[in-house]
Protein backbone atom coordinates (compact mmCIF):
# COMPACT_ATOMS: atom_id res chain seq x y z
CA MET A 1 -19.75 17.35 4.98
CA SER A 2 -19.81 21.12 5.38
CA ASP A 3 -16.56 23.01 5.81
CA LYS A 4 -18.34 26.06 7.25
CA LYS A 5 -17.08 27.19 10.61
CA LYS A 6 -19.62 26.61 13.36
CA VAL A 7 -20.54 29.39 15.78
CA LEU A 8 -22.82 29.04 18.80
CA ILE A 9 -24.62 32.03 20.29
CA ILE A 10 -25.84 31.46 23.85
CA ASP A 11 -27.97 34.43 24.84
CA ASP A 12 -31.45 34.93 26.27
CA ASP A 13 -31.98 37.99 24.05
CA MET A 14 -33.77 36.63 20.99
CA ASP A 15 -33.31 39.85 19.01
CA PHE A 16 -29.55 39.78 19.56
CA ARG A 17 -29.32 36.10 18.58
CA GLU A 18 -31.33 36.62 15.40
CA THR A 19 -29.40 39.73 14.36
CA ALA A 20 -26.01 38.15 15.04
CA LYS A 21 -27.08 34.99 13.20
CA ILE A 22 -28.07 36.99 10.10
CA VAL A 23 -24.77 38.89 10.12
CA LEU A 24 -22.64 35.77 10.58
CA GLU A 25 -24.55 33.58 8.13
CA SER A 26 -24.27 36.31 5.50
CA VAL A 27 -20.52 35.66 5.35
CA GLY A 28 -20.73 31.88 5.48
CA TYR A 29 -20.72 30.83 9.13
CA ASP A 30 -22.95 27.98 10.30
CA VAL A 31 -24.70 29.52 13.31
CA GLN A 32 -26.57 27.72 16.06
CA GLU A 33 -28.49 29.41 18.85
CA ALA A 34 -29.34 28.64 22.46
CA GLU A 35 -31.58 30.75 24.67
CA ASP A 36 -30.19 29.48 27.97
CA ALA A 37 -27.10 27.94 29.52
CA ALA A 38 -28.42 24.36 29.61
CA SER A 39 -29.44 24.37 25.94
CA GLY A 40 -26.10 25.87 24.99
CA LEU A 41 -24.17 23.24 26.91
CA ASN A 42 -26.16 20.49 25.19
CA ILE A 43 -25.18 21.89 21.79
CA VAL A 44 -21.53 22.11 22.89
CA LYS A 45 -21.60 18.43 23.89
CA THR A 46 -23.04 17.30 20.54
CA THR A 47 -21.46 19.66 18.01
CA ASN A 48 -17.89 20.39 16.99
CA LEU A 49 -17.83 24.18 17.32
CA ASN A 50 -15.24 26.74 16.25
CA PHE A 51 -16.41 29.64 18.41
CA ILE A 52 -18.93 30.53 21.13
CA LEU A 53 -20.51 33.91 21.91
CA LEU A 54 -21.85 33.83 25.45
CA ASP A 55 -24.04 36.16 27.47
CA VAL A 56 -23.29 36.49 31.20
CA MET A 57 -26.69 37.19 32.73
CA MET A 58 -29.40 34.82 31.58
CA GLU A 59 -31.49 32.68 33.94
CA GLU A 60 -29.29 33.72 36.84
CA VAL A 61 -26.83 36.58 37.29
CA ASP A 62 -23.88 34.23 36.79
CA SER A 63 -25.31 31.73 34.28
CA GLY A 64 -22.71 32.62 31.67
CA VAL A 65 -19.86 32.30 34.13
CA LYS A 66 -21.00 28.84 35.22
CA VAL A 67 -21.60 27.56 31.70
CA ALA A 68 -18.22 28.91 30.51
CA GLN A 69 -16.56 26.61 33.03
CA ASP A 70 -18.70 23.66 31.87
CA ILE A 71 -17.95 24.42 28.21
CA ALA A 72 -14.23 24.40 28.92
CA LYS A 73 -14.57 20.87 30.31
CA ALA A 74 -16.84 19.62 27.51
CA ALA A 75 -14.97 21.27 24.61
CA PRO A 76 -11.48 22.28 25.69
CA GLY A 77 -9.86 24.80 23.40
CA THR A 78 -13.08 26.15 21.88
CA PRO A 79 -12.77 29.95 22.02
CA ILE A 80 -15.42 31.67 24.13
CA VAL A 81 -16.13 35.40 24.17
CA ILE A 82 -18.48 37.01 26.65
CA LEU A 83 -20.58 39.57 24.84
CA SER A 84 -23.00 41.17 27.26
CA SER A 85 -24.74 44.37 28.16
CA PHE A 86 -23.11 43.82 31.54
CA ALA A 87 -19.61 42.77 30.44
CA ASP A 88 -17.92 45.64 32.25
CA ALA A 89 -19.81 44.83 35.45
CA ALA A 90 -19.08 41.11 35.06
CA LYS A 91 -15.36 41.82 35.06
CA GLN A 92 -15.78 43.46 38.45
CA MET A 93 -18.27 40.95 39.89
CA PHE A 94 -16.47 37.71 39.02
CA ASP A 95 -12.90 36.47 39.09
CA THR A 96 -12.52 36.52 35.34
CA SER A 97 -8.88 35.48 35.49
CA VAL A 98 -9.89 31.86 36.15
CA LEU A 99 -12.45 31.64 33.35
CA PRO A 100 -11.68 30.13 29.94
CA VAL A 101 -12.84 33.26 28.12
CA LYS A 102 -10.83 35.10 25.46
CA GLU A 103 -12.50 38.49 25.89
CA TYR A 104 -15.30 40.30 27.70
CA LEU A 105 -16.98 42.79 25.41
CA GLN A 106 -19.81 45.22 25.92
CA LYS A 107 -22.98 45.01 23.80
CA PRO A 108 -24.01 46.32 21.43
CA LEU A 109 -21.42 45.65 18.77
CA LYS A 110 -21.71 46.94 15.24
CA SER A 111 -21.93 44.29 12.52
CA ASP A 112 -18.35 44.87 11.36
CA GLU A 113 -17.09 44.59 14.96
CA LEU A 114 -18.97 41.30 15.41
CA LEU A 115 -17.52 39.91 12.19
CA ALA A 116 -13.99 40.97 13.13
CA LEU A 117 -14.39 39.31 16.53
CA VAL A 118 -15.57 35.99 15.10
CA HIS A 119 -12.96 36.05 12.33
CA LYS A 120 -10.29 36.59 15.00
CA TYR A 121 -11.14 33.43 16.93
CA ALA A 122 -13.13 31.03 14.73
């Protein structure tokens, strides 16, 4: 059995997912990807994860907000960070105080910032 920490990236931006996966795998994380909220939730339900990076705006404007709530029910205690091009707007659009999210951060992040973020929570 692998002792690598498992990270899930739920984001409809394929380039972001691939880049983040390369960065995280280069330091030993086991990274899984989902291109939409439903696929991400399915992975959460079947995999013991250490950390989740989540986009806000995917299929719908609030897809990330809705799936964050579902993730909290399916995998309580798994740290979730919203990492989105619209993170600043999301904080204004949604009541973020009720969401099970550790942080809302603006894309893009540099590789070292991404690694520091995942190391902090995973």
